C-alpha cells in the first residue's frame, strides 16, 4: 500500500512539474499565490506525517473516503445547473475512489457505477 501511495504521489508531482514548466513563460504567474500554496502544502505534509503516527491507517482511509464523498457532493451541487454526461462520469469515478478507500469490493464499485450513469 505504501509503495502504491508513493508511486501515485511521484506521478502527481511529475505531472504537476511538467504542467508548471509548460505554463512558465507563456502566462503571467501569481508568485505570491504559488508561494502560499507551496508553503501550505509543505506545512500540511509535515503536520500530516507527524499526526499519522496517532491514527490507524484503516481509520485514515475511511475518513479520506468520506472527505472525497463530501467534496464530490459539493462539486455536484455547485454544478447542478450545468450538469452534463461527462461530469456524471467524473462524479462516478470519484465515487469509485471513495468507495475503494472505504474498503468496498470491486463488484460493489461496478454495480454502483452502473447505477450512477443515467442514459
PDB file of N, CA and C in Angstrom:
ATOM      1  N   UNK A   1       0.822  -1.196   0.000  1.00  0.00           N
ATOM      2  CA  UNK A   1       0.000   0.000   0.000  1.00  0.00           C
ATOM      3  C   UNK A   1       0.866   1.262   0.000  1.00  0.00           C
ATOM      4  N   UNK A   2       1.919   1.258   0.829  1.00  0.00           N
ATOM      5  CA  UNK A   2       2.780   2.439   0.884  1.00  0.00           C
ATOM      6  C   UNK A   2       3.508   2.657  -0.436  1.00  0.00           C
ATOM      7  N   UNK A   3       3.880   1.555  -1.109  1.00  0.00           N
ATOM      8  CA  UNK A   3       4.547   1.683  -2.395  1.00  0.00           C
ATOM      9  C   UNK A   3       3.599   2.275  -3.434  1.00  0.00           C
ATOM     10  N   UNK A   4       2.322   1.862  -3.394  1.00  0.00           N
ATOM     11  CA  UNK A   4       1.329   2.403  -4.331  1.00  0.00           C
ATOM     12  C   UNK A   4       1.099   3.889  -4.072  1.00  0.00           C
ATOM     13  N   UNK A   5       1.049   4.274  -2.827  1.00  0.00           N
ATOM     14  CA  UNK A   5       0.854   5.686  -2.481  1.00  0.00           C
ATOM     15  C   UNK A   5       2.057   6.506  -2.943  1.00  0.00           C
ATOM     16  N   UNK A   6       3.247   5.989  -2.690  1.00  0.00           N
ATOM     17  CA  UNK A   6       4.455   6.695  -3.117  1.00  0.00           C
ATOM     18  C   UNK A   6       4.532   6.845  -4.623  1.00  0.00           C
ATOM     19  N   UNK A   7       4.182   5.782  -5.335  1.00  0.00           N
ATOM     20  CA  UNK A   7       4.187   5.836  -6.798  1.00  0.00           C
ATOM     21  C   UNK A   7       3.175   6.858  -7.297  1.00  0.00           C
ATOM     22  N   UNK A   8       1.992   6.859  -6.700  1.00  0.00           N
ATOM     23  CA  UNK A   8       0.951   7.806  -7.087  1.00  0.00           C
ATOM     24  C   UNK A   8       1.407   9.246  -6.839  1.00  0.00           C
ATOM     25  N   UNK A   9       2.008   9.482  -5.697  1.00  0.00           N
ATOM     26  CA  UNK A   9       2.492  10.832  -5.385  1.00  0.00           C
ATOM     27  C   UNK A   9       3.609  11.260  -6.334  1.00  0.00           C
ATOM     28  N   UNK A  10       4.473  10.330  -6.726  1.00  0.00           N
ATOM     29  CA  UNK A  10       5.535  10.655  -7.672  1.00  0.00           C
ATOM     30  C   UNK A  10       4.948  11.043  -9.029  1.00  0.00           C
ATOM     31  N   UNK A  11       3.946  10.301  -9.476  1.00  0.00           N
ATOM     32  CA  UNK A  11       3.301  10.613 -10.757  1.00  0.00           C
ATOM     33  C   UNK A  11       2.615  11.975 -10.692  1.00  0.00           C
ATOM     34  N   UNK A  12       1.933  12.245  -9.582  1.00  0.00           N
ATOM     35  CA  UNK A  12       1.270  13.546  -9.417  1.00  0.00           C
ATOM     36  C   UNK A  12       2.304  14.673  -9.425  1.00  0.00           C
ATOM     37  N   UNK A  13       3.415  14.470  -8.724  1.00  0.00           N
ATOM     38  CA  UNK A  13       4.452  15.503  -8.673  1.00  0.00           C
ATOM     39  C   UNK A  13       5.064  15.741 -10.053  1.00  0.00           C
ATOM     40  N   UNK A  14       5.321  14.659 -10.787  1.00  0.00           N
ATOM     41  CA  UNK A  14       5.884  14.813 -12.131  1.00  0.00           C
ATOM     42  C   UNK A  14       4.893  15.513 -13.059  1.00  0.00           C
ATOM     43  N   UNK A  15       3.630  15.141 -12.977  1.00  0.00           N
ATOM     44  CA  UNK A  15       2.599  15.766 -13.801  1.00  0.00           C
ATOM     45  C   UNK A  15       2.473  17.253 -13.475  1.00  0.00           C
ATOM     46  N   UNK A  16       2.502  17.577 -12.204  1.00  0.00           N
ATOM     47  CA  UNK A  16       2.423  18.974 -11.785  1.00  0.00           C
ATOM     48  C   UNK A  16       3.636  19.761 -12.264  1.00  0.00           C
ATOM     49  N   UNK A  17       4.812  19.168 -12.138  1.00  0.00           N
ATOM     50  CA  UNK A  17       6.033  19.843 -12.578  1.00  0.00           C
ATOM     51  C   UNK A  17       6.035  20.119 -14.073  1.00  0.00           C
ATOM     52  N   UNK A  18       5.620  19.143 -14.858  1.00  0.00           N
ATOM     53  CA  UNK A  18       5.577  19.326 -16.307  1.00  0.00           C
ATOM     54  C   UNK A  18       4.531  20.383 -16.671  1.00  0.00           C
ATOM     55  N   UNK A  19       3.377  20.348 -16.008  1.00  0.00           N
ATOM     56  CA  UNK A  19       2.359  21.360 -16.259  1.00  0.00           C
ATOM     57  C   UNK A  19       2.843  22.750 -15.913  1.00  0.00           C
ATOM     58  N   UNK A  20       3.533  22.864 -14.797  1.00  0.00           N
ATOM     59  CA  UNK A  20       4.084  24.154 -14.379  1.00  0.00           C
ATOM     60  C   UNK A  20       5.094  24.659 -15.396  1.00  0.00           C
ATOM     61  N   UNK A  21       5.995  23.789 -15.824  1.00  0.00           N
ATOM     62  CA  UNK A  21       7.004  24.191 -16.808  1.00  0.00           C
ATOM     63  C   UNK A  21       6.366  24.567 -18.141  1.00  0.00           C
ATOM     64  N   UNK A  22       5.255  23.927 -18.473  1.00  0.00           N
ATOM     65  CA  UNK A  22       4.555  24.259 -19.707  1.00  0.00           C
ATOM     66  C   UNK A  22       3.961  25.657 -19.677  1.00  0.00           C
ATOM     67  N   UNK A  23       3.530  26.106 -18.508  1.00  0.00           N
ATOM     68  CA  UNK A  23       2.956  27.452 -18.385  1.00  0.00           C
ATOM     69  C   UNK A  23       4.024  28.521 -18.197  1.00  0.00           C
ATOM     70  N   UNK A  24       5.182  28.140 -17.715  1.00  0.00           N
ATOM     71  CA  UNK A  24       6.253  29.084 -17.423  1.00  0.00           C
ATOM     72  C   UNK A  24       6.655  29.822 -18.696  1.00  0.00           C
ATOM     73  N   UNK A  25       6.560  31.126 -18.669  1.00  0.00           N
ATOM     74  CA  UNK A  25       6.917  31.945 -19.813  1.00  0.00           C
ATOM     75  C   UNK A  25       5.775  32.193 -20.781  1.00  0.00           C
ATOM     76  N   UNK A  26       4.687  31.458 -20.661  1.00  0.00           N
ATOM     77  CA  UNK A  26       3.554  31.632 -21.569  1.00  0.00           C
ATOM     78  C   UNK A  26       2.442  32.477 -20.949  1.00  0.00           C
ATOM     79  N   UNK A  27       2.283  32.368 -19.660  1.00  0.00           N
ATOM     80  CA  UNK A  27       1.274  33.151 -18.949  1.00  0.00           C
ATOM     81  C   UNK A  27       1.943  33.784 -17.735  1.00  0.00           C
ATOM     82  N   UNK A  28       1.327  34.855 -17.260  1.00  0.00           N
ATOM     83  CA  UNK A  28       1.849  35.502 -16.062  1.00  0.00           C
ATOM     84  C   UNK A  28       1.398  34.710 -14.843  1.00  0.00           C
ATOM     85  N   UNK A  29       2.339  34.315 -14.023  1.00  0.00           N
ATOM     86  CA  UNK A  29       2.033  33.512 -12.845  1.00  0.00           C
ATOM     87  C   UNK A  29       1.979  34.403 -11.602  1.00  0.00           C
ATOM     88  N   UNK A  30       1.042  34.115 -10.737  1.00  0.00           N
ATOM     89  CA  UNK A  30       0.909  34.837  -9.476  1.00  0.00           C
ATOM     90  C   UNK A  30       1.830  34.154  -8.462  1.00  0.00           C
ATOM     91  N   UNK A  31       3.053  34.665  -8.336  1.00  0.00           N
ATOM     92  CA  UNK A  31       4.057  34.022  -7.493  1.00  0.00           C
ATOM     93  C   UNK A  31       3.682  34.051  -6.023  1.00  0.00           C
ATOM     94  N   UNK A  32       2.946  35.053  -5.587  1.00  0.00           N
ATOM     95  CA  UNK A  32       2.514  35.090  -4.185  1.00  0.00           C
ATOM     96  C   UNK A  32       1.553  33.937  -3.908  1.00  0.00           C
ATOM     97  N   UNK A  33       0.636  33.687  -4.834  1.00  0.00           N
ATOM     98  CA  UNK A  33      -0.305  32.583  -4.679  1.00  0.00           C
ATOM     99  C   UNK A  33       0.414  31.238  -4.741  1.00  0.00           C
ATOM    100  N   UNK A  34       1.326  31.095  -5.680  1.00  0.00           N
ATOM    101  CA  UNK A  34       2.097  29.855  -5.804  1.00  0.00           C
ATOM    102  C   UNK A  34       2.900  29.599  -4.537  1.00  0.00           C
ATOM    103  N   UNK A  35       3.529  30.642  -4.010  1.00  0.00           N
ATOM    104  CA  UNK A  35       4.329  30.508  -2.785  1.00  0.00           C
ATOM    105  C   UNK A  35       3.468  30.133  -1.593  1.00  0.00           C
ATOM    106  N   UNK A  36       2.288  30.749  -1.481  1.00  0.00           N
ATOM    107  CA  UNK A  36       1.426  30.438  -0.339  1.00  0.00           C
ATOM    108  C   UNK A  36       0.915  29.002  -0.410  1.00  0.00           C
ATOM    109  N   UNK A  37       0.572  28.514  -1.608  1.00  0.00           N
ATOM    110  CA  UNK A  37       0.142  27.123  -1.745  1.00  0.00           C
ATOM    111  C   UNK A  37       1.281  26.161  -1.440  1.00  0.00           C
ATOM    112  N   UNK A  38       2.477  26.501  -1.903  1.00  0.00           N
ATOM    113  CA  UNK A  38       3.640  25.653  -1.640  1.00  0.00           C
ATOM    114  C   UNK A  38       3.928  25.583  -0.150  1.00  0.00           C
ATOM    115  N   UNK A  39       3.864  26.721   0.521  1.00  0.00           N
ATOM    116  CA  UNK A  39       4.086  26.759   1.964  1.00  0.00           C
ATOM    117  C   UNK A  39       3.009  25.953   2.702  1.00  0.00           C
ATOM    118  N   UNK A  40       1.747  26.150   2.320  1.00  0.00           N
ATOM    119  CA  UNK A  40       0.652  25.426   2.967  1.00  0.00           C
ATOM    120  C   UNK A  40       0.788  23.915   2.752  1.00  0.00           C
ATOM    121  N   UNK A  41       1.161  23.517   1.540  1.00  0.00           N
ATOM    122  CA  UNK A  41       1.334  22.087   1.246  1.00  0.00           C
ATOM    123  C   UNK A  41       2.487  21.499   2.045  1.00  0.00           C
ATOM    124  N   UNK A  42       3.570  22.241   2.162  1.00  0.00           N
ATOM    125  CA  UNK A  42       4.723  21.773   2.924  1.00  0.00           C
ATOM    126  C   UNK A  42       4.377  21.626   4.395  1.00  0.00           C
ATOM    127  N   UNK A  43       3.720  22.637   4.957  1.00  0.00           N
ATOM    128  CA  UNK A  43       3.326  22.559   6.365  1.00  0.00           C
ATOM    129  C   UNK A  43       2.321  21.424   6.593  1.00  0.00           C
ATOM    130  N   UNK A  44       1.394  21.256   5.651  1.00  0.00           N
ATOM    131  CA  UNK A  44       0.422  20.173   5.753  1.00  0.00           C
ATOM    132  C   UNK A  44       1.073  18.803   5.698  1.00  0.00           C
ATOM    133  N   UNK A  45       2.088  18.677   4.860  1.00  0.00           N
ATOM    134  CA  UNK A  45       2.814  17.413   4.750  1.00  0.00           C
ATOM    135  C   UNK A  45       3.547  17.091   6.048  1.00  0.00           C
ATOM    136  N   UNK A  46       4.229  18.079   6.600  1.00  0.00           N
ATOM    137  CA  UNK A  46       4.959  17.875   7.847  1.00  0.00           C
ATOM    138  C   UNK A  46       3.996  17.543   8.985  1.00  0.00           C
ATOM    139  N   UNK A  47       2.909  18.303   9.100  1.00  0.00           N
ATOM    140  CA  UNK A  47       1.928  18.052  10.161  1.00  0.00           C
ATOM    141  C   UNK A  47       1.261  16.690   9.971  1.00  0.00           C
ATOM    142  N   UNK A  48       0.919  16.355   8.727  1.00  0.00           N
ATOM    143  CA  UNK A  48       0.277  15.073   8.452  1.00  0.00           C
ATOM    144  C   UNK A  48       1.177  13.897   8.761  1.00  0.00           C
ATOM    145  N   UNK A  49       2.452  14.036   8.452  1.00  0.00           N
ATOM    146  CA  UNK A  49       3.414  12.972   8.755  1.00  0.00           C
ATOM    147  C   UNK A  49       3.504  12.750  10.259  1.00  0.00           C
ATOM    148  N   UNK A  50       3.525  13.816  11.013  1.00  0.00           N
ATOM    149  CA  UNK A  50       3.574  13.701  12.473  1.00  0.00           C
ATOM    150  C   UNK A  50       2.291  13.095  13.026  1.00  0.00           C
ATOM    151  N   UNK A  51       1.147  13.585  12.566  1.00  0.00           N
ATOM    152  CA  UNK A  51      -0.136  13.119  13.094  1.00  0.00           C
ATOM    153  C   UNK A  51      -0.488  11.701  12.653  1.00  0.00           C
ATOM    154  N   UNK A  52       0.111  11.224  11.564  1.00  0.00           N
ATOM    155  CA  UNK A  52      -0.188   9.884  11.050  1.00  0.00           C
ATOM    156  C   UNK A  52       0.186   8.790  12.042  1.00  0.00           C
ATOM    157  N   UNK A  53       1.125   9.054  12.908  1.00  0.00           N
ATOM    158  CA  UNK A  53       1.516   8.043  13.892  1.00  0.00           C
ATOM    159  C   UNK A  53       0.459   7.836  14.971  1.00  0.00           C
ATOM    160  N   UNK A  54      -0.503   8.748  15.058  1.00  0.00           N
ATOM    161  CA  UNK A  54      -1.542   8.636  16.072  1.00  0.00           C
ATOM    162  C   UNK A  54      -2.865   8.096  15.527  1.00  0.00           C
ATOM    163  N   UNK A  55      -2.954   7.923  14.208  1.00  0.00           N
ATOM    164  CA  UNK A  55      -4.198   7.478  13.580  1.00  0.00           C
ATOM    165  C   UNK A  55      -3.923   6.177  12.826  1.00  0.00           C
ATOM    166  N   UNK A  56      -4.800   5.199  13.013  1.00  0.00           N
ATOM    167  CA  UNK A  56      -4.646   3.936  12.302  1.00  0.00           C
ATOM    168  C   UNK A  56      -4.922   4.138  10.815  1.00  0.00           C
ATOM    169  N   UNK A  57      -4.215   3.369   9.983  1.00  0.00           N
ATOM    170  CA  UNK A  57      -4.345   3.506   8.538  1.00  0.00           C
ATOM    171  C   UNK A  57      -5.783   3.252   8.077  1.00  0.00           C
ATOM    172  N   UNK A  58      -6.447   2.271   8.675  1.00  0.00           N
ATOM    173  CA  UNK A  58      -7.824   1.941   8.290  1.00  0.00           C
ATOM    174  C   UNK A  58      -8.748   3.138   8.552  1.00  0.00           C
ATOM    175  N   UNK A  59      -8.597   3.777   9.694  1.00  0.00           N
ATOM    176  CA  UNK A  59      -9.416   4.938  10.031  1.00  0.00           C
ATOM    177  C   UNK A  59      -9.112   6.109   9.108  1.00  0.00           C
ATOM    178  N   UNK A  60      -7.850   6.264   8.757  1.00  0.00           N
ATOM    179  CA  UNK A  60      -7.455   7.337   7.846  1.00  0.00           C
ATOM    180  C   UNK A  60      -8.064   7.120   6.460  1.00  0.00           C
ATOM    181  N   UNK A  61      -8.054   5.880   5.977  1.00  0.00           N
ATOM    182  CA  UNK A  61      -8.666   5.566   4.685  1.00  0.00           C
ATOM    183  C   UNK A  61     -10.160   5.857   4.709  1.00  0.00           C
ATOM    184  N   UNK A  62     -10.808   5.466   5.774  1.00  0.00           N
ATOM    185  CA  UNK A  62     -12.250   5.684   5.886  1.00  0.00           C
ATOM    186  C   UNK A  62     -12.566   7.185   5.917  1.00  0.00           C
ATOM    187  N   UNK A  63     -11.810   7.930   6.684  1.00  0.00           N
ATOM    188  CA  UNK A  63     -12.016   9.379   6.762  1.00  0.00           C
ATOM    189  C   UNK A  63     -11.771  10.036   5.407  1.00  0.00           C
ATOM    190  N   UNK A  64     -10.734   9.589   4.713  1.00  0.00           N
ATOM    191  CA  UNK A  64     -10.438  10.141   3.393  1.00  0.00           C
ATOM    192  C   UNK A  64     -11.565   9.832   2.417  1.00  0.00           C
ATOM    193  N   UNK A  65     -12.124   8.644   2.504  1.00  0.00           N
ATOM    194  CA  UNK A  65     -13.256   8.278   1.652  1.00  0.00           C
ATOM    195  C   UNK A  65     -14.451   9.186   1.890  1.00  0.00           C
ATOM    196  N   UNK A  66     -14.763   9.437   3.156  1.00  0.00           N
ATOM    197  CA  UNK A  66     -15.872  10.346   3.477  1.00  0.00           C
ATOM    198  C   UNK A  66     -15.575  11.767   2.995  1.00  0.00           C
ATOM    199  N   UNK A  67     -14.316  12.191   3.118  1.00  0.00           N
ATOM    200  CA  UNK A  67     -13.929  13.507   2.642  1.00  0.00           C
ATOM    201  C   UNK A  67     -14.132  13.612   1.128  1.00  0.00           C
ATOM    202  N   UNK A  68     -13.721  12.567   0.388  1.00  0.00           N
ATOM    203  CA  UNK A  68     -13.931  12.563  -1.062  1.00  0.00           C
ATOM    204  C   UNK A  68     -15.408  12.623  -1.417  1.00  0.00           C
ATOM    205  N   UNK A  69     -16.226  11.893  -0.681  1.00  0.00           N
ATOM    206  CA  UNK A  69     -17.671  11.941  -0.926  1.00  0.00           C
ATOM    207  C   UNK A  69     -18.222  13.345  -0.675  1.00  0.00           C
ATOM    208  N   UNK A  70     -17.754  13.984   0.384  1.00  0.00           N
ATOM    209  CA  UNK A  70     -18.217  15.337   0.692  1.00  0.00           C
ATOM    210  C   UNK A  70     -17.803  16.322  -0.407  1.00  0.00           C
ATOM    211  N   UNK A  71     -16.566  16.221  -0.871  1.00  0.00           N
ATOM    212  CA  UNK A  71     -16.095  17.106  -1.936  1.00  0.00           C
ATOM    213  C   UNK A  71     -16.876  16.844  -3.222  1.00  0.00           C
ATOM    214  N   UNK A  72     -17.094  15.571  -3.556  1.00  0.00           N
ATOM    215  CA  UNK A  72     -17.843  15.231  -4.765  1.00  0.00           C
ATOM    216  C   UNK A  72     -19.265  15.779  -4.687  1.00  0.00           C
ATOM    217  N   UNK A  73     -19.886  15.662  -3.519  1.00  0.00           N
ATOM    218  CA  UNK A  73     -21.242  16.189  -3.338  1.00  0.00           C
ATOM    219  C   UNK A  73     -21.256  17.703  -3.497  1.00  0.00           C
ATOM    220  N   UNK A  74     -20.269  18.378  -2.933  1.00  0.00           N
ATOM    221  CA  UNK A  74     -20.174  19.826  -3.044  1.00  0.00           C
ATOM    222  C   UNK A  74     -20.011  20.246  -4.501  1.00  0.00           C
ATOM    223  N   UNK A  75     -19.107  19.573  -5.211  1.00  0.00           N
ATOM    224  CA  UNK A  75     -18.875  19.905  -6.626  1.00  0.00           C
ATOM    225  C   UNK A  75     -20.134  19.636  -7.439  1.00  0.00           C
ATOM    226  N   UNK A  76     -20.784  18.526  -7.173  1.00  0.00           N
ATOM    227  CA  UNK A  76     -22.012  18.202  -7.889  1.00  0.00           C
ATOM    228  C   UNK A  76     -23.088  19.252  -7.617  1.00  0.00           C
ATOM    229  N   UNK A  77     -23.208  19.671  -6.383  1.00  0.00           N
ATOM    230  CA  UNK A  77     -24.194  20.689  -6.026  1.00  0.00           C
ATOM    231  C   UNK A  77     -23.882  22.025  -6.710  1.00  0.00           C
ATOM    232  N   UNK A  78     -22.602  22.394  -6.746  1.00  0.00           N
ATOM    233  CA  UNK A  78     -22.195  23.654  -7.365  1.00  0.00           C
ATOM    234  C   UNK A  78     -22.458  23.670  -8.873  1.00  0.00           C
ATOM    235  N   UNK A  79     -22.367  22.512  -9.514  1.00  0.00           N
ATOM    236  CA  UNK A  79     -22.516  22.466 -10.969  1.00  0.00           C
ATOM    237  C   UNK A  79     -23.849  21.849 -11.389  1.00  0.00           C
ATOM    238  N   UNK A  80     -24.823  21.873 -10.528  1.00  0.00           N
ATOM    239  CA  UNK A  80     -26.105  21.215 -10.809  1.00  0.00           C
ATOM    240  C   UNK A  80     -26.829  21.809 -12.020  1.00  0.00           C
ATOM    241  N   UNK A  81     -26.628  23.090 -12.313  1.00  0.00           N
ATOM    242  CA  UNK A  81     -27.313  23.709 -13.440  1.00  0.00           C
ATOM    243  C   UNK A  81     -26.649  23.375 -14.772  1.00  0.00           C
ATOM    244  N   UNK A  82     -25.352  23.138 -14.746  1.00  0.00           N
ATOM    245  CA  UNK A  82     -24.618  22.861 -15.977  1.00  0.00           C
ATOM    246  C   UNK A  82     -24.249  21.389 -16.074  1.00  0.00           C
ATOM    247  N   UNK A  83     -25.005  20.530 -15.451  1.00  0.00           N
ATOM    248  CA  UNK A  83     -24.685  19.110 -15.364  1.00  0.00           C
ATOM    249  C   UNK A  83     -24.860  18.429 -16.719  1.00  0.00           C
ATOM    250  N   UNK A  84     -23.780  17.823 -17.199  1.00  0.00           N
ATOM    251  CA  UNK A  84     -23.831  17.075 -18.458  1.00  0.00           C
ATOM    252  C   UNK A  84     -23.186  15.713 -18.246  1.00  0.00           C
ATOM    253  N   UNK A  85     -23.319  14.848 -19.220  1.00  0.00           N
ATOM    254  CA  UNK A  85     -22.875  13.458 -19.106  1.00  0.00           C
ATOM    255  C   UNK A  85     -21.404  13.295 -18.709  1.00  0.00           C
ATOM    256  N   UNK A  86     -20.429  14.031 -19.269  1.00  0.00           N
ATOM    257  CA  UNK A  86     -19.035  13.834 -18.842  1.00  0.00           C
ATOM    258  C   UNK A  86     -18.821  14.132 -17.357  1.00  0.00           C
ATOM    259  N   UNK A  87     -19.570  15.090 -16.828  1.00  0.00           N
ATOM    260  CA  UNK A  87     -19.438  15.385 -15.407  1.00  0.00           C
ATOM    261  C   UNK A  87     -19.991  14.233 -14.575  1.00  0.00           C
ATOM    262  N   UNK A  88     -21.016  13.578 -15.071  1.00  0.00           N
ATOM    263  CA  UNK A  88     -21.579  12.437 -14.365  1.00  0.00           C
ATOM    264  C   UNK A  88     -20.562  11.315 -14.294  1.00  0.00           C
ATOM    265  N   UNK A  89     -19.836  11.095 -15.375  1.00  0.00           N
ATOM    266  CA  UNK A  89     -18.814  10.061 -15.384  1.00  0.00           C
ATOM    267  C   UNK A  89     -17.705  10.409 -14.391  1.00  0.00           C
ATOM    268  N   UNK A  90     -17.310  11.676 -14.347  1.00  0.00           N
ATOM    269  CA  UNK A  90     -16.300  12.116 -13.388  1.00  0.00           C
ATOM    270  C   UNK A  90     -16.776  11.888 -11.966  1.00  0.00           C
ATOM    271  N   UNK A  91     -18.015  12.229 -11.674  1.00  0.00           N
ATOM    272  CA  UNK A  91     -18.573  12.005 -10.345  1.00  0.00           C
ATOM    273  C   UNK A  91     -18.569  10.522 -10.009  1.00  0.00           C
ATOM    274  N   UNK A  92     -18.921   9.681 -10.986  1.00  0.00           N
ATOM    275  CA  UNK A  92     -18.936   8.238 -10.757  1.00  0.00           C
ATOM    276  C   UNK A  92     -17.531   7.727 -10.450  1.00  0.00           C
ATOM    277  N   UNK A  93     -16.516   8.266 -11.138  1.00  0.00           N
ATOM    278  CA  UNK A  93     -15.141   7.863 -10.874  1.00  0.00           C
ATOM    279  C   UNK A  93     -14.709   8.273  -9.473  1.00  0.00           C
ATOM    280  N   UNK A  94     -15.081   9.485  -9.067  1.00  0.00           N
ATOM    281  CA  UNK A  94     -14.755   9.951  -7.714  1.00  0.00           C
ATOM    282  C   UNK A  94     -15.430   9.053  -6.688  1.00  0.00           C
ATOM    283  N   UNK A  95     -16.670   8.666  -6.965  1.00  0.00           N
ATOM    284  CA  UNK A  95     -17.389   7.772  -6.061  1.00  0.00           C
ATOM    285  C   UNK A  95     -16.686   6.427  -5.943  1.00  0.00           C
ATOM    286  N   UNK A  96     -16.163   5.925  -7.063  1.00  0.00           N
ATOM    287  CA  UNK A  96     -15.447   4.648  -7.028  1.00  0.00           C
ATOM    288  C   UNK A  96     -14.190   4.745  -6.175  1.00  0.00           C
ATOM    289  N   UNK A  97     -13.451   5.839  -6.302  1.00  0.00           N
ATOM    290  CA  UNK A  97     -12.247   6.031  -5.497  1.00  0.00           C
ATOM    291  C   UNK A  97     -12.614   6.098  -4.015  1.00  0.00           C
ATOM    292  N   UNK A  98     -13.677   6.826  -3.715  1.00  0.00           N
ATOM    293  CA  UNK A  98     -14.109   6.951  -2.325  1.00  0.00           C
ATOM    294  C   UNK A  98     -14.550   5.604  -1.772  1.00  0.00           C
ATOM    295  N   UNK A  99     -15.291   4.839  -2.564  1.00  0.00           N
ATOM    296  CA  UNK A  99     -15.740   3.520  -2.101  1.00  0.00           C
ATOM    297  C   UNK A  99     -14.562   2.593  -1.890  1.00  0.00           C
ATOM    298  N   UNK A 100     -13.563   2.692  -2.764  1.00  0.00           N
ATOM    299  CA  UNK A 100     -12.387   1.854  -2.597  1.00  0.00           C
ATOM    300  C   UNK A 100     -11.650   2.228  -1.315  1.00  0.00           C
ATOM    301  N   UNK A 101     -11.580   3.520  -1.030  1.00  0.00           N
ATOM    302  CA  UNK A 101     -10.933   3.970   0.204  1.00  0.00           C
ATOM    303  C   UNK A 101     -11.702   3.497   1.433  1.00  0.00           C
ATOM    304  N   UNK A 102     -13.015   3.337   1.285  1.00  0.00           N
ATOM    305  CA  UNK A 102     -13.838   2.857   2.389  1.00  0.00           C
ATOM    306  C   UNK A 102     -13.809   1.340   2.512  1.00  0.00           C
ATOM    307  N   UNK A 103     -13.166   0.667   1.547  1.00  0.00           N
ATOM    308  CA  UNK A 103     -12.996  -0.772   1.648  1.00  0.00           C
ATOM    309  C   UNK A 103     -14.076  -1.595   0.991  1.00  0.00           C
ATOM    310  N   UNK A 104     -14.893  -1.025   0.120  1.00  0.00           N
ATOM    311  CA  UNK A 104     -15.914  -1.804  -0.555  1.00  0.00           C
ATOM    312  C   UNK A 104     -15.274  -2.583  -1.692  1.00  0.00           C
ATOM    313  N   UNK A 105     -15.901  -3.707  -2.044  1.00  0.00           N
ATOM    314  CA  UNK A 105     -15.326  -4.592  -3.056  1.00  0.00           C
ATOM    315  C   UNK A 105     -15.475  -4.013  -4.454  1.00  0.00           C
ATOM    316  N   UNK A 106     -14.707  -4.575  -5.393  1.00  0.00           N
ATOM    317  CA  UNK A 106     -14.747  -4.123  -6.776  1.00  0.00           C
ATOM    318  C   UNK A 106     -16.125  -4.368  -7.389  1.00  0.00           C
ATOM    319  N   UNK A 107     -16.786  -5.497  -7.047  1.00  0.00           N
ATOM    320  CA  UNK A 107     -18.122  -5.790  -7.573  1.00  0.00           C
ATOM    321  C   UNK A 107     -19.120  -4.721  -7.133  1.00  0.00           C
ATOM    322  N   UNK A 108     -19.027  -4.288  -5.874  1.00  0.00           N
ATOM    323  CA  UNK A 108     -19.907  -3.232  -5.381  1.00  0.00           C
ATOM    324  C   UNK A 108     -19.633  -1.935  -6.138  1.00  0.00           C
ATOM    325  N   UNK A 109     -18.358  -1.675  -6.457  1.00  0.00           N
ATOM    326  CA  UNK A 109     -17.992  -0.460  -7.186  1.00  0.00           C
ATOM    327  C   UNK A 109     -18.598  -0.454  -8.586  1.00  0.00           C
ATOM    328  N   UNK A 110     -18.510  -1.586  -9.291  1.00  0.00           N
ATOM    329  CA  UNK A 110     -19.045  -1.661 -10.651  1.00  0.00           C
ATOM    330  C   UNK A 110     -20.553  -1.500 -10.629  1.00  0.00           C
ATOM    331  N   UNK A 111     -21.221  -2.139  -9.666  1.00  0.00           N
ATOM    332  CA  UNK A 111     -22.691  -2.010  -9.556  1.00  0.00           C
ATOM    333  C   UNK A 111     -23.059  -0.560  -9.281  1.00  0.00           C
ATOM    334  N   UNK A 112     -22.324   0.093  -8.406  1.00  0.00           N
ATOM    335  CA  UNK A 112     -22.592   1.499  -8.092  1.00  0.00           C
ATOM    336  C   UNK A 112     -22.401   2.372  -9.329  1.00  0.00           C
ATOM    337  N   UNK A 113     -21.314   2.115 -10.099  1.00  0.00           N
ATOM    338  CA  UNK A 113     -21.059   2.894 -11.308  1.00  0.00           C
ATOM    339  C   UNK A 113     -22.185   2.692 -12.316  1.00  0.00           C
ATOM    340  N   UNK A 114     -22.626   1.443 -12.492  1.00  0.00           N
ATOM    341  CA  UNK A 114     -23.706   1.175 -13.448  1.00  0.00           C
ATOM    342  C   UNK A 114     -24.989   1.875 -13.008  1.00  0.00           C
ATOM    343  N   UNK A 115     -25.249   1.909 -11.708  1.00  0.00           N
ATOM    344  CA  UNK A 115     -26.466   2.556 -11.206  1.00  0.00           C
ATOM    345  C   UNK A 115     -26.375   4.073 -11.235  1.00  0.00           C
ATOM    346  N   UNK A 116     -25.137   4.605 -11.274  1.00  0.00           N
ATOM    347  CA  UNK A 116     -24.948   6.051 -11.244  1.00  0.00           C
ATOM    348  C   UNK A 116     -25.121   6.694 -12.617  1.00  0.00           C
ATOM    349  N   UNK A 117     -24.801   5.945 -13.667  1.00  0.00           N
ATOM    350  CA  UNK A 117     -24.832   6.536 -15.006  1.00  0.00           C
ATOM    351  C   UNK A 117     -26.254   6.476 -15.563  1.00  0.00           C
ATOM    352  N   UNK A 118     -26.751   7.650 -15.926  1.00  0.00           N
ATOM    353  CA  UNK A 118     -28.106   7.780 -16.465  1.00  0.00           C
ATOM    354  C   UNK A 118     -27.983   8.066 -17.953  1.00  0.00           C
ATOM    355  N   UNK A 119     -28.641   7.263 -18.772  1.00  0.00           N
ATOM    356  CA  UNK A 119     -28.566   7.464 -20.223  1.00  0.00           C
ATOM    357  C   UNK A 119     -29.765   8.224 -20.700  1.00  0.00           C
TER     358      UNK A 119
END
